[in-house]
Amino acid sequence: GGTSQSTYLLEEVSAIARKINHALKDEAALSDRLPIDPLNDDLFNACSDGLVLIYLLISIDPKLIDMKQVHHG
């Protein structure tokens, strides 16, 4: 097995962080994670357990995920 390395542009991370902040700004369940600082790599910490991404999917389609099945901690 080899080693893989990911690269990303800070501009891309910043744009995604700003989009998530805008889309989920009123979501009380994420108040400890948002807003994400778009000027560093906080995006990766905020999204590390998937909860922010779950709420992002729900903002697109509220019926997509049964939140009773999601572990919150």
PDB file of N, CA and C in Angstrom:
ATOM      1  N   GLY A   1       0.802  -1.196   0.000  1.00  0.00           N
ATOM      2  CA  GLY A   1       0.000   0.000   0.000  1.00  0.00           C
ATOM      3  C   GLY A   1       0.835   1.244   0.000  1.00  0.00           C
ATOM      4  N   GLY A   2       0.430   2.202  -0.765  1.00  0.00           N
ATOM      5  CA  GLY A   2       1.136   3.473  -0.835  1.00  0.00           C
ATOM      6  C   GLY A   2       0.502   4.508   0.073  1.00  0.00           C
ATOM      7  N   THR A   3       1.103   5.640   0.083  1.00  0.00           N
ATOM      8  CA  THR A   3       0.591   6.749   0.876  1.00  0.00           C
ATOM      9  C   THR A   3      -0.113   7.722  -0.059  1.00  0.00           C
ATOM     10  N   SER A   4      -1.272   8.160   0.346  1.00  0.00           N
ATOM     11  CA  SER A   4      -1.974   9.147  -0.469  1.00  0.00           C
ATOM     12  C   SER A   4      -1.920  10.496   0.223  1.00  0.00           C
ATOM     13  N   GLN A   5      -1.946  11.521  -0.560  1.00  0.00           N
ATOM     14  CA  GLN A   5      -1.922  12.872  -0.024  1.00  0.00           C
ATOM     15  C   GLN A   5      -2.967  13.694  -0.755  1.00  0.00           C
ATOM     16  N   SER A   6      -3.752  14.440   0.002  1.00  0.00           N
ATOM     17  CA  SER A   6      -4.756  15.302  -0.599  1.00  0.00           C
ATOM     18  C   SER A   6      -4.236  16.731  -0.617  1.00  0.00           C
ATOM     19  N   THR A   7      -4.553  17.423  -1.681  1.00  0.00           N
ATOM     20  CA  THR A   7      -4.230  18.837  -1.739  1.00  0.00           C
ATOM     21  C   THR A   7      -5.509  19.601  -2.016  1.00  0.00           C
ATOM     22  N   TYR A   8      -5.576  20.807  -1.538  1.00  0.00           N
ATOM     23  CA  TYR A   8      -6.740  21.646  -1.741  1.00  0.00           C
ATOM     24  C   TYR A   8      -6.299  23.100  -1.752  1.00  0.00           C
ATOM     25  N   LEU A   9      -7.096  23.911  -2.380  1.00  0.00           N
ATOM     26  CA  LEU A   9      -6.835  25.343  -2.405  1.00  0.00           C
ATOM     27  C   LEU A   9      -7.601  26.015  -1.278  1.00  0.00           C
ATOM     28  N   LEU A  10      -6.947  26.906  -0.570  1.00  0.00           N
ATOM     29  CA  LEU A  10      -7.608  27.638   0.508  1.00  0.00           C
ATOM     30  C   LEU A  10      -8.839  28.380  -0.016  1.00  0.00           C
ATOM     31  N   GLU A  11      -8.780  28.835  -1.267  1.00  0.00           N
ATOM     32  CA  GLU A  11      -9.931  29.525  -1.856  1.00  0.00           C
ATOM     33  C   GLU A  11     -11.137  28.592  -1.949  1.00  0.00           C
ATOM     34  N   GLU A  12     -10.903  27.330  -2.271  1.00  0.00           N
ATOM     35  CA  GLU A  12     -11.995  26.357  -2.337  1.00  0.00           C
ATOM     36  C   GLU A  12     -12.569  26.089  -0.958  1.00  0.00           C
ATOM     37  N   VAL A  13     -11.695  25.906   0.019  1.00  0.00           N
ATOM     38  CA  VAL A  13     -12.132  25.667   1.400  1.00  0.00           C
ATOM     39  C   VAL A  13     -12.937  26.867   1.887  1.00  0.00           C
ATOM     40  N   SER A  14     -12.456  28.065   1.590  1.00  0.00           N
ATOM     41  CA  SER A  14     -13.136  29.287   1.997  1.00  0.00           C
ATOM     42  C   SER A  14     -14.535  29.372   1.383  1.00  0.00           C
ATOM     43  N   ALA A  15     -14.645  29.070   0.103  1.00  0.00           N
ATOM     44  CA  ALA A  15     -15.938  29.134  -0.582  1.00  0.00           C
ATOM     45  C   ALA A  15     -16.921  28.119   0.006  1.00  0.00           C
ATOM     46  N   ILE A  16     -16.449  26.916   0.292  1.00  0.00           N
ATOM     47  CA  ILE A  16     -17.322  25.886   0.873  1.00  0.00           C
ATOM     48  C   ILE A  16     -17.735  26.283   2.281  1.00  0.00           C
ATOM     49  N   ALA A  17     -16.806  26.784   3.078  1.00  0.00           N
ATOM     50  CA  ALA A  17     -17.127  27.219   4.441  1.00  0.00           C
ATOM     51  C   ALA A  17     -18.184  28.326   4.418  1.00  0.00           C
ATOM     52  N   ARG A  18     -18.029  29.286   3.528  1.00  0.00           N
ATOM     53  CA  ARG A  18     -18.999  30.384   3.430  1.00  0.00           C
ATOM     54  C   ARG A  18     -20.379  29.871   3.007  1.00  0.00           C
ATOM     55  N   LYS A  19     -20.411  28.928   2.089  1.00  0.00           N
ATOM     56  CA  LYS A  19     -21.673  28.353   1.627  1.00  0.00           C
ATOM     57  C   LYS A  19     -22.376  27.606   2.761  1.00  0.00           C
ATOM     58  N   ILE A  20     -21.624  26.796   3.503  1.00  0.00           N
ATOM     59  CA  ILE A  20     -22.203  26.080   4.644  1.00  0.00           C
ATOM     60  C   ILE A  20     -22.694  27.073   5.692  1.00  0.00           C
ATOM     61  N   ASN A  21     -21.893  28.082   6.000  1.00  0.00           N
ATOM     62  CA  ASN A  21     -22.312  29.097   6.976  1.00  0.00           C
ATOM     63  C   ASN A  21     -23.633  29.737   6.563  1.00  0.00           C
ATOM     64  N   HIS A  22     -23.759  30.063   5.289  1.00  0.00           N
ATOM     65  CA  HIS A  22     -24.985  30.703   4.800  1.00  0.00           C
ATOM     66  C   HIS A  22     -26.176  29.746   4.853  1.00  0.00           C
ATOM     67  N   ALA A  23     -25.967  28.524   4.394  1.00  0.00           N
ATOM     68  CA  ALA A  23     -27.068  27.558   4.311  1.00  0.00           C
ATOM     69  C   ALA A  23     -27.576  27.127   5.683  1.00  0.00           C
ATOM     70  N   LEU A  24     -26.688  27.075   6.675  1.00  0.00           N
ATOM     71  CA  LEU A  24     -27.057  26.511   7.980  1.00  0.00           C
ATOM     72  C   LEU A  24     -26.997  27.528   9.115  1.00  0.00           C
ATOM     73  N   LYS A  25     -27.010  28.813   8.763  1.00  0.00           N
ATOM     74  CA  LYS A  25     -26.833  29.852   9.786  1.00  0.00           C
ATOM     75  C   LYS A  25     -27.895  29.836  10.878  1.00  0.00           C
ATOM     76  N   ASP A  26     -29.080  29.341  10.586  1.00  0.00           N
ATOM     77  CA  ASP A  26     -30.166  29.338  11.569  1.00  0.00           C
ATOM     78  C   ASP A  26     -30.361  27.983  12.240  1.00  0.00           C
ATOM     79  N   GLU A  27     -29.458  27.032  12.028  1.00  0.00           N
ATOM     80  CA  GLU A  27     -29.599  25.696  12.594  1.00  0.00           C
ATOM     81  C   GLU A  27     -29.024  25.663  14.013  1.00  0.00           C
ATOM     82  N   ALA A  28     -29.921  25.683  15.008  1.00  0.00           N
ATOM     83  CA  ALA A  28     -29.512  25.739  16.410  1.00  0.00           C
ATOM     84  C   ALA A  28     -28.638  24.547  16.813  1.00  0.00           C
ATOM     85  N   ALA A  29     -28.879  23.393  16.240  1.00  0.00           N
ATOM     86  CA  ALA A  29     -28.120  22.187  16.601  1.00  0.00           C
ATOM     87  C   ALA A  29     -26.644  22.304  16.234  1.00  0.00           C
ATOM     88  N   LEU A  30     -26.292  23.261  15.390  1.00  0.00           N
ATOM     89  CA  LEU A  30     -24.905  23.419  14.955  1.00  0.00           C
ATOM     90  C   LEU A  30     -24.263  24.682  15.517  1.00  0.00           C
ATOM     91  N   SER A  31     -24.887  25.280  16.510  1.00  0.00           N
ATOM     92  CA  SER A  31     -24.385  26.554  17.038  1.00  0.00           C
ATOM     93  C   SER A  31     -22.975  26.446  17.626  1.00  0.00           C
ATOM     94  N   ASP A  32     -22.570  25.245  18.043  1.00  0.00           N
ATOM     95  CA  ASP A  32     -21.220  25.069  18.572  1.00  0.00           C
ATOM     96  C   ASP A  32     -20.179  24.900  17.461  1.00  0.00           C
ATOM     97  N   ARG A  33     -20.628  24.727  16.213  1.00  0.00           N
ATOM     98  CA  ARG A  33     -19.704  24.491  15.101  1.00  0.00           C
ATOM     99  C   ARG A  33     -19.690  25.628  14.089  1.00  0.00           C
ATOM    100  N   LEU A  34     -20.755  26.401  14.055  1.00  0.00           N
ATOM    101  CA  LEU A  34     -20.881  27.457  13.057  1.00  0.00           C
ATOM    102  C   LEU A  34     -20.887  28.822  13.718  1.00  0.00           C
ATOM    103  N   PRO A  35     -20.414  29.847  13.077  1.00  0.00           N
ATOM    104  CA  PRO A  35     -19.895  29.831  11.717  1.00  0.00           C
ATOM    105  C   PRO A  35     -18.492  29.223  11.640  1.00  0.00           C
ATOM    106  N   ILE A  36     -18.188  28.650  10.509  1.00  0.00           N
ATOM    107  CA  ILE A  36     -16.865  28.116  10.209  1.00  0.00           C
ATOM    108  C   ILE A  36     -16.004  29.271   9.720  1.00  0.00           C
ATOM    109  N   ASP A  37     -14.800  29.400  10.254  1.00  0.00           N
ATOM    110  CA  ASP A  37     -13.887  30.456   9.809  1.00  0.00           C
ATOM    111  C   ASP A  37     -13.406  30.127   8.391  1.00  0.00           C
ATOM    112  N   PRO A  38     -13.742  30.963   7.412  1.00  0.00           N
ATOM    113  CA  PRO A  38     -13.346  30.669   6.029  1.00  0.00           C
ATOM    114  C   PRO A  38     -11.880  30.972   5.725  1.00  0.00           C
ATOM    115  N   LEU A  39     -11.156  31.501   6.698  1.00  0.00           N
ATOM    116  CA  LEU A  39      -9.774  31.906   6.439  1.00  0.00           C
ATOM    117  C   LEU A  39      -8.743  30.884   6.907  1.00  0.00           C
ATOM    118  N   ASN A  40      -9.202  29.741   7.409  1.00  0.00           N
ATOM    119  CA  ASN A  40      -8.267  28.687   7.798  1.00  0.00           C
ATOM    120  C   ASN A  40      -8.905  27.335   7.490  1.00  0.00           C
ATOM    121  N   ASP A  41      -8.436  26.263   8.107  1.00  0.00           N
ATOM    122  CA  ASP A  41      -8.965  24.937   7.799  1.00  0.00           C
ATOM    123  C   ASP A  41      -9.975  24.435   8.841  1.00  0.00           C
ATOM    124  N   ASP A  42     -10.687  25.356   9.510  1.00  0.00           N
ATOM    125  CA  ASP A  42     -11.744  24.972  10.462  1.00  0.00           C
ATOM    126  C   ASP A  42     -12.813  24.094   9.809  1.00  0.00           C
ATOM    127  N   LEU A  43     -12.998  24.219   8.504  1.00  0.00           N
ATOM    128  CA  LEU A  43     -13.980  23.421   7.781  1.00  0.00           C
ATOM    129  C   LEU A  43     -13.797  21.940   8.074  1.00  0.00           C
ATOM    130  N   PHE A  44     -12.552  21.480   8.109  1.00  0.00           N
ATOM    131  CA  PHE A  44     -12.281  20.062   8.307  1.00  0.00           C
ATOM    132  C   PHE A  44     -12.658  19.612   9.718  1.00  0.00           C
ATOM    133  N   ASN A  45     -12.408  20.455  10.704  1.00  0.00           N
ATOM    134  CA  ASN A  45     -12.806  20.125  12.081  1.00  0.00           C
ATOM    135  C   ASN A  45     -14.327  20.135  12.226  1.00  0.00           C
ATOM    136  N   ALA A  46     -14.968  21.142  11.649  1.00  0.00           N
ATOM    137  CA  ALA A  46     -16.424  21.261  11.772  1.00  0.00           C
ATOM    138  C   ALA A  46     -17.146  20.089  11.112  1.00  0.00           C
ATOM    139  N   CYS A  47     -16.564  19.543  10.069  1.00  0.00           N
ATOM    140  CA  CYS A  47     -17.211  18.467   9.307  1.00  0.00           C
ATOM    141  C   CYS A  47     -16.676  17.077   9.648  1.00  0.00           C
ATOM    142  N   SER A  48     -15.807  16.971  10.627  1.00  0.00           N
ATOM    143  CA  SER A  48     -15.091  15.718  10.859  1.00  0.00           C
ATOM    144  C   SER A  48     -15.983  14.535  11.220  1.00  0.00           C
ATOM    145  N   ASP A  49     -17.100  14.777  11.916  1.00  0.00           N
ATOM    146  CA  ASP A  49     -17.960  13.645  12.307  1.00  0.00           C
ATOM    147  C   ASP A  49     -19.187  13.495  11.401  1.00  0.00           C
ATOM    148  N   GLY A  50     -19.325  14.368  10.412  1.00  0.00           N
ATOM    149  CA  GLY A  50     -20.407  14.239   9.451  1.00  0.00           C
ATOM    150  C   GLY A  50     -21.693  14.969   9.789  1.00  0.00           C
ATOM    151  N   LEU A  51     -21.829  15.492  11.007  1.00  0.00           N
ATOM    152  CA  LEU A  51     -23.091  16.111  11.409  1.00  0.00           C
ATOM    153  C   LEU A  51     -23.421  17.351  10.576  1.00  0.00           C
ATOM    154  N   VAL A  52     -22.439  18.192  10.323  1.00  0.00           N
ATOM    155  CA  VAL A  52     -22.672  19.380   9.490  1.00  0.00           C
ATOM    156  C   VAL A  52     -23.125  18.947   8.097  1.00  0.00           C
ATOM    157  N   LEU A  53     -22.498  17.909   7.576  1.00  0.00           N
ATOM    158  CA  LEU A  53     -22.854  17.442   6.237  1.00  0.00           C
ATOM    159  C   LEU A  53     -24.264  16.862   6.207  1.00  0.00           C
ATOM    160  N   ILE A  54     -24.663  16.191   7.289  1.00  0.00           N
ATOM    161  CA  ILE A  54     -26.034  15.673   7.382  1.00  0.00           C
ATOM    162  C   ILE A  54     -27.033  16.826   7.330  1.00  0.00           C
ATOM    163  N   TYR A  55     -26.779  17.881   8.094  1.00  0.00           N
ATOM    164  CA  TYR A  55     -27.692  19.028   8.090  1.00  0.00           C
ATOM    165  C   TYR A  55     -27.685  19.741   6.737  1.00  0.00           C
ATOM    166  N   LEU A  56     -26.551  19.728   6.061  1.00  0.00           N
ATOM    167  CA  LEU A  56     -26.498  20.313   4.725  1.00  0.00           C
ATOM    168  C   LEU A  56     -27.382  19.519   3.768  1.00  0.00           C
ATOM    169  N   LEU A  57     -27.330  18.199   3.846  1.00  0.00           N
ATOM    170  CA  LEU A  57     -28.201  17.362   3.019  1.00  0.00           C
ATOM    171  C   LEU A  57     -29.670  17.591   3.350  1.00  0.00           C
ATOM    172  N   ILE A  58     -29.977  17.719   4.638  1.00  0.00           N
ATOM    173  CA  ILE A  58     -31.360  17.970   5.059  1.00  0.00           C
ATOM    174  C   ILE A  58     -31.848  19.324   4.539  1.00  0.00           C
ATOM    175  N   SER A  59     -30.946  20.299   4.442  1.00  0.00           N
ATOM    176  CA  SER A  59     -31.356  21.615   3.919  1.00  0.00           C
ATOM    177  C   SER A  59     -31.741  21.514   2.444  1.00  0.00           C
ATOM    178  N   ILE A  60     -31.199  20.511   1.756  1.00  0.00           N
ATOM    179  CA  ILE A  60     -31.539  20.282   0.352  1.00  0.00           C
ATOM    180  C   ILE A  60     -32.832  19.481   0.239  1.00  0.00           C
ATOM    181  N   ASP A  61     -32.955  18.431   1.061  1.00  0.00           N
ATOM    182  CA  ASP A  61     -34.134  17.566   1.045  1.00  0.00           C
ATOM    183  C   ASP A  61     -34.464  17.144   2.473  1.00  0.00           C
ATOM    184  N   PRO A  62     -35.442  17.798   3.106  1.00  0.00           N
ATOM    185  CA  PRO A  62     -35.770  17.514   4.510  1.00  0.00           C
ATOM    186  C   PRO A  62     -36.160  16.067   4.801  1.00  0.00           C
ATOM    187  N   LYS A  63     -36.549  15.319   3.809  1.00  0.00           N
ATOM    188  CA  LYS A  63     -36.965  13.932   4.037  1.00  0.00           C
ATOM    189  C   LYS A  63     -35.834  12.928   3.801  1.00  0.00           C
ATOM    190  N   LEU A  64     -34.667  13.413   3.470  1.00  0.00           N
ATOM    191  CA  LEU A  64     -33.567  12.542   3.075  1.00  0.00           C
ATOM    192  C   LEU A  64     -33.033  11.677   4.224  1.00  0.00           C
ATOM    193  N   ILE A  65     -32.966  12.230   5.424  1.00  0.00           N
ATOM    194  CA  ILE A  65     -32.344  11.534   6.554  1.00  0.00           C
ATOM    195  C   ILE A  65     -33.276  11.565   7.758  1.00  0.00           C
ATOM    196  N   ASP A  66     -33.432  10.416   8.399  1.00  0.00           N
ATOM    197  CA  ASP A  66     -34.223  10.313   9.636  1.00  0.00           C
ATOM    198  C   ASP A  66     -33.301  10.663  10.800  1.00  0.00           C
ATOM    199  N   MET A  67     -33.461  11.871  11.346  1.00  0.00           N
ATOM    200  CA  MET A  67     -32.575  12.342  12.405  1.00  0.00           C
ATOM    201  C   MET A  67     -32.667  11.498  13.680  1.00  0.00           C
ATOM    202  N   LYS A  68     -33.733  10.727  13.849  1.00  0.00           N
ATOM    203  CA  LYS A  68     -33.821   9.837  15.019  1.00  0.00           C
ATOM    204  C   LYS A  68     -32.776   8.723  14.940  1.00  0.00           C
ATOM    205  N   GLN A  69     -32.266   8.474  13.753  1.00  0.00           N
ATOM    206  CA  GLN A  69     -31.257   7.429  13.559  1.00  0.00           C
ATOM    207  C   GLN A  69     -29.823   7.953  13.625  1.00  0.00           C
ATOM    208  N   VAL A  70     -29.659   9.262  13.806  1.00  0.00           N
ATOM    209  CA  VAL A  70     -28.326   9.883  13.801  1.00  0.00           C
ATOM    210  C   VAL A  70     -27.819  10.036  15.221  1.00  0.00           C
ATOM    211  N   HIS A  71     -26.592   9.591  15.457  1.00  0.00           N
ATOM    212  CA  HIS A  71     -25.943   9.737  16.770  1.00  0.00           C
ATOM    213  C   HIS A  71     -25.411  11.173  16.874  1.00  0.00           C
ATOM    214  N   HIS A  72     -25.766  11.855  17.946  1.00  0.00           N
ATOM    215  CA  HIS A  72     -25.409  13.285  18.103  1.00  0.00           C
ATOM    216  C   HIS A  72     -24.295  13.521  19.117  1.00  0.00           C
ATOM    217  N   GLY A  73     -23.335  12.660  19.242  1.00  0.00           N
ATOM    218  CA  GLY A  73     -22.316  12.972  20.224  1.00  0.00           C
ATOM    219  C   GLY A  73     -21.250  11.963  20.289  1.00  0.00           C
TER     220      GLY A  73
END
